[in-house]
């Protein structure tokens, strides 16, 4: 019973962290483009963000494995994940397109309205 409670607590904590991260990211983007009038490539920003997520995921996977496993086994694990996640490619593509379109949306609507819509995206993906 305690495991179910811990799992639910973890799910809620991850959801709250994602919502906070998304809100801060939206506010920083709006401030940098609207107030500071900075110009940068939205594609490069998204690419760097995705690379950071992949590196962090690789780090977590490497630390979650037993200490006795070597790098070769870690490479086999990554290969397994890539070969079995083909079904998710289409969904990841749609999610990426939504992230690109978010830059256009953020220029045309207020940051608060955009944040609410982005939170709905997270909530519907999580459920």
C-alpha atoms as a PDB file:
ATOM      1  CA  UNK A   1       0.000   0.000   0.000  1.00  0.00           C
ATOM      2  CA  UNK A   2       2.878   2.360   0.757  1.00  0.00           C
ATOM      3  CA  UNK A   3       4.286   1.803  -2.730  1.00  0.00           C
ATOM      4  CA  UNK A   4       1.037   2.990  -4.342  1.00  0.00           C
ATOM      5  CA  UNK A   5       1.022   6.077  -2.136  1.00  0.00           C
ATOM      6  CA  UNK A   6       4.656   6.845  -3.006  1.00  0.00           C
ATOM      7  CA  UNK A   7       3.931   6.348  -6.705  1.00  0.00           C
ATOM      8  CA  UNK A   8       0.966   8.744  -6.571  1.00  0.00           C
ATOM      9  CA  UNK A   9       3.022  11.303  -4.669  1.00  0.00           C
ATOM     10  CA  UNK A  10       5.788  11.032  -7.257  1.00  0.00           C
ATOM     11  CA  UNK A  11       3.331  11.478 -10.128  1.00  0.00           C
ATOM     12  CA  UNK A  12       1.862  14.602  -8.546  1.00  0.00           C
ATOM     13  CA  UNK A  13       5.319  16.002  -7.808  1.00  0.00           C
ATOM     14  CA  UNK A  14       6.467  15.434 -11.399  1.00  0.00           C
ATOM     15  CA  UNK A  15       3.300  17.052 -12.740  1.00  0.00           C
ATOM     16  CA  UNK A  16       3.779  20.111 -10.525  1.00  0.00           C
ATOM     17  CA  UNK A  17       7.448  20.409 -11.504  1.00  0.00           C
ATOM     18  CA  UNK A  18       6.534  20.195 -15.198  1.00  0.00           C
ATOM     19  CA  UNK A  19       3.890  22.889 -14.797  1.00  0.00           C
ATOM     20  CA  UNK A  20       6.332  25.151 -12.949  1.00  0.00           C
ATOM     21  CA  UNK A  21       9.068  24.555 -15.528  1.00  0.00           C
ATOM     22  CA  UNK A  22       6.690  25.256 -18.393  1.00  0.00           C
ATOM     23  CA  UNK A  23       5.409  28.455 -16.774  1.00  0.00           C
ATOM     24  CA  UNK A  24       8.910  29.773 -16.136  1.00  0.00           C
ATOM     25  CA  UNK A  25       9.999  28.882 -19.667  1.00  0.00           C
ATOM     26  CA  UNK A  26       7.006  30.764 -21.088  1.00  0.00           C
ATOM     27  CA  UNK A  27       7.680  33.853 -18.988  1.00  0.00           C
ATOM     28  CA  UNK A  28      11.372  33.898 -19.905  1.00  0.00           C
ATOM     29  CA  UNK A  29      10.575  33.529 -23.623  1.00  0.00           C
ATOM     30  CA  UNK A  30       7.960  36.271 -23.477  1.00  0.00           C
ATOM     31  CA  UNK A  31      10.307  38.604 -21.599  1.00  0.00           C
ATOM     32  CA  UNK A  32      13.246  37.956 -23.922  1.00  0.00           C
ATOM     33  CA  UNK A  33      11.228  38.487 -27.099  1.00  0.00           C
ATOM     34  CA  UNK A  34       8.749  41.102 -25.910  1.00  0.00           C
ATOM     35  CA  UNK A  35      10.717  43.310 -23.522  1.00  0.00           C
ATOM     36  CA  UNK A  36      14.372  42.751 -24.395  1.00  0.00           C
ATOM     37  CA  UNK A  37      13.574  42.324 -28.119  1.00  0.00           C
ATOM     38  CA  UNK A  38      16.162  39.585 -28.474  1.00  0.00           C
ATOM     39  CA  UNK A  39      16.314  37.711 -31.755  1.00  0.00           C
ATOM     40  CA  UNK A  40      17.301  34.065 -31.841  1.00  0.00           C
ATOM     41  CA  UNK A  41      16.429  30.940 -33.749  1.00  0.00           C
ATOM     42  CA  UNK A  42      13.518  29.115 -32.159  1.00  0.00           C
ATOM     43  CA  UNK A  43      14.740  25.908 -33.793  1.00  0.00           C
ATOM     44  CA  UNK A  44      18.120  26.156 -32.102  1.00  0.00           C
ATOM     45  CA  UNK A  45      16.504  26.871 -28.735  1.00  0.00           C
ATOM     46  CA  UNK A  46      14.272  23.812 -29.083  1.00  0.00           C
ATOM     47  CA  UNK A  47      17.183  21.659 -30.266  1.00  0.00           C
ATOM     48  CA  UNK A  48      19.367  22.653 -27.315  1.00  0.00           C
ATOM     49  CA  UNK A  49      16.449  22.046 -24.938  1.00  0.00           C
ATOM     50  CA  UNK A  50      15.883  18.564 -26.343  1.00  0.00           C
ATOM     51  CA  UNK A  51      19.607  17.768 -26.175  1.00  0.00           C
ATOM     52  CA  UNK A  52      19.676  18.810 -22.518  1.00  0.00           C
ATOM     53  CA  UNK A  53      16.710  16.525 -21.822  1.00  0.00           C
ATOM     54  CA  UNK A  54      18.404  13.598 -23.588  1.00  0.00           C
ATOM     55  CA  UNK A  55      21.665  14.113 -21.712  1.00  0.00           C
ATOM     56  CA  UNK A  56      19.839  14.319 -18.396  1.00  0.00           C
ATOM     57  CA  UNK A  57      17.852  11.165 -19.231  1.00  0.00           C
ATOM     58  CA  UNK A  58      21.051   9.333 -20.174  1.00  0.00           C
ATOM     59  CA  UNK A  59      22.601  10.402 -16.875  1.00  0.00           C
ATOM     60  CA  UNK A  60      19.601   9.176 -14.875  1.00  0.00           C
ATOM     61  CA  UNK A  61      19.572   5.852 -16.746  1.00  0.00           C
ATOM     62  CA  UNK A  62      23.292   5.375 -16.191  1.00  0.00           C
ATOM     63  CA  UNK A  63      22.947   6.074 -12.470  1.00  0.00           C
ATOM     64  CA  UNK A  64      19.903   3.834 -12.079  1.00  0.00           C
ATOM     65  CA  UNK A  65      21.769   0.787 -13.419  1.00  0.00           C
ATOM     66  CA  UNK A  66      23.836  -1.356 -11.107  1.00  0.00           C
ATOM     67  CA  UNK A  67      27.367  -0.162 -10.529  1.00  0.00           C
ATOM     68  CA  UNK A  68      28.675  -3.437 -11.986  1.00  0.00           C
ATOM     69  CA  UNK A  69      27.194  -2.795 -15.424  1.00  0.00           C
ATOM     70  CA  UNK A  70      29.649  -1.371 -17.903  1.00  0.00           C
ATOM     71  CA  UNK A  71      29.238   1.191 -20.665  1.00  0.00           C
ATOM     72  CA  UNK A  72      28.690  -1.498 -23.260  1.00  0.00           C
ATOM     73  CA  UNK A  73      25.553  -2.652 -21.479  1.00  0.00           C
ATOM     74  CA  UNK A  74      24.409   0.967 -21.206  1.00  0.00           C
ATOM     75  CA  UNK A  75      24.865   1.339 -24.974  1.00  0.00           C
ATOM     76  CA  UNK A  76      22.810  -1.828 -25.503  1.00  0.00           C
ATOM     77  CA  UNK A  77      20.096  -0.354 -23.290  1.00  0.00           C
ATOM     78  CA  UNK A  78      19.989   2.856 -25.353  1.00  0.00           C
ATOM     79  CA  UNK A  79      19.855   0.830 -28.567  1.00  0.00           C
ATOM     80  CA  UNK A  80      16.962  -1.211 -27.155  1.00  0.00           C
ATOM     81  CA  UNK A  81      15.082   1.963 -26.211  1.00  0.00           C
ATOM     82  CA  UNK A  82      15.587   3.472 -29.673  1.00  0.00           C
ATOM     83  CA  UNK A  83      14.577   0.294 -31.503  1.00  0.00           C
ATOM     84  CA  UNK A  84      11.400  -0.229 -29.474  1.00  0.00           C
ATOM     85  CA  UNK A  85      10.188   3.371 -29.435  1.00  0.00           C
ATOM     86  CA  UNK A  86       9.350   3.721 -33.126  1.00  0.00           C
ATOM     87  CA  UNK A  87       5.665   3.946 -32.269  1.00  0.00           C
ATOM     88  CA  UNK A  88       6.331   7.124 -30.324  1.00  0.00           C
ATOM     89  CA  UNK A  89       8.043   8.888 -33.233  1.00  0.00           C
ATOM     90  CA  UNK A  90       4.801  10.295 -34.684  1.00  0.00           C
ATOM     91  CA  UNK A  91       3.658  11.595 -31.304  1.00  0.00           C
ATOM     92  CA  UNK A  92       7.077  13.134 -30.676  1.00  0.00           C
ATOM     93  CA  UNK A  93       6.898  14.825 -34.073  1.00  0.00           C
ATOM     94  CA  UNK A  94       3.500  16.336 -33.252  1.00  0.00           C
ATOM     95  CA  UNK A  95       4.781  17.472 -29.855  1.00  0.00           C
ATOM     96  CA  UNK A  96       7.817  19.084 -31.530  1.00  0.00           C
ATOM     97  CA  UNK A  97       5.603  20.906 -34.030  1.00  0.00           C
ATOM     98  CA  UNK A  98       3.485  22.180 -31.159  1.00  0.00           C
ATOM     99  CA  UNK A  99       6.630  23.527 -29.489  1.00  0.00           C
ATOM    100  CA  UNK A 100       7.634  25.346 -32.683  1.00  0.00           C
ATOM    101  CA  UNK A 101       4.147  26.809 -33.052  1.00  0.00           C
ATOM    102  CA  UNK A 102       4.268  27.926 -29.426  1.00  0.00           C
ATOM    103  CA  UNK A 103       6.747  30.641 -30.419  1.00  0.00           C
ATOM    104  CA  UNK A 104       4.231  32.053 -32.889  1.00  0.00           C
ATOM    105  CA  UNK A 105       1.396  31.783 -30.382  1.00  0.00           C
ATOM    106  CA  UNK A 106       3.389  33.484 -27.661  1.00  0.00           C
ATOM    107  CA  UNK A 107       3.916  36.514 -29.903  1.00  0.00           C
ATOM    108  CA  UNK A 108       0.183  36.811 -30.590  1.00  0.00           C
ATOM    109  CA  UNK A 109      -1.462  36.156 -27.211  1.00  0.00           C
ATOM    110  CA  UNK A 110      -0.673  37.107 -23.625  1.00  0.00           C
ATOM    111  CA  UNK A 111       1.783  35.052 -21.610  1.00  0.00           C
ATOM    112  CA  UNK A 112      -0.877  34.140 -19.046  1.00  0.00           C
ATOM    113  CA  UNK A 113      -3.292  32.762 -21.648  1.00  0.00           C
ATOM    114  CA  UNK A 114      -0.474  30.894 -23.353  1.00  0.00           C
ATOM    115  CA  UNK A 115       0.654  29.392 -20.028  1.00  0.00           C
ATOM    116  CA  UNK A 116      -2.859  28.133 -19.303  1.00  0.00           C
ATOM    117  CA  UNK A 117      -3.032  26.482 -22.730  1.00  0.00           C
ATOM    118  CA  UNK A 118       0.418  24.948 -22.253  1.00  0.00           C
ATOM    119  CA  UNK A 119      -0.600  23.575 -18.851  1.00  0.00           C
ATOM    120  CA  UNK A 120      -3.613  21.961 -20.466  1.00  0.00           C
ATOM    121  CA  UNK A 121      -1.240  20.284 -22.936  1.00  0.00           C
ATOM    122  CA  UNK A 122       0.742  18.845 -20.035  1.00  0.00           C
ATOM    123  CA  UNK A 123      -2.357  17.723 -18.149  1.00  0.00           C
ATOM    124  CA  UNK A 124      -3.899  16.006 -21.158  1.00  0.00           C
ATOM    125  CA  UNK A 125      -0.603  14.283 -21.953  1.00  0.00           C
ATOM    126  CA  UNK A 126      -0.237  13.104 -18.345  1.00  0.00           C
ATOM    127  CA  UNK A 127      -3.718  11.597 -18.110  1.00  0.00           C
END
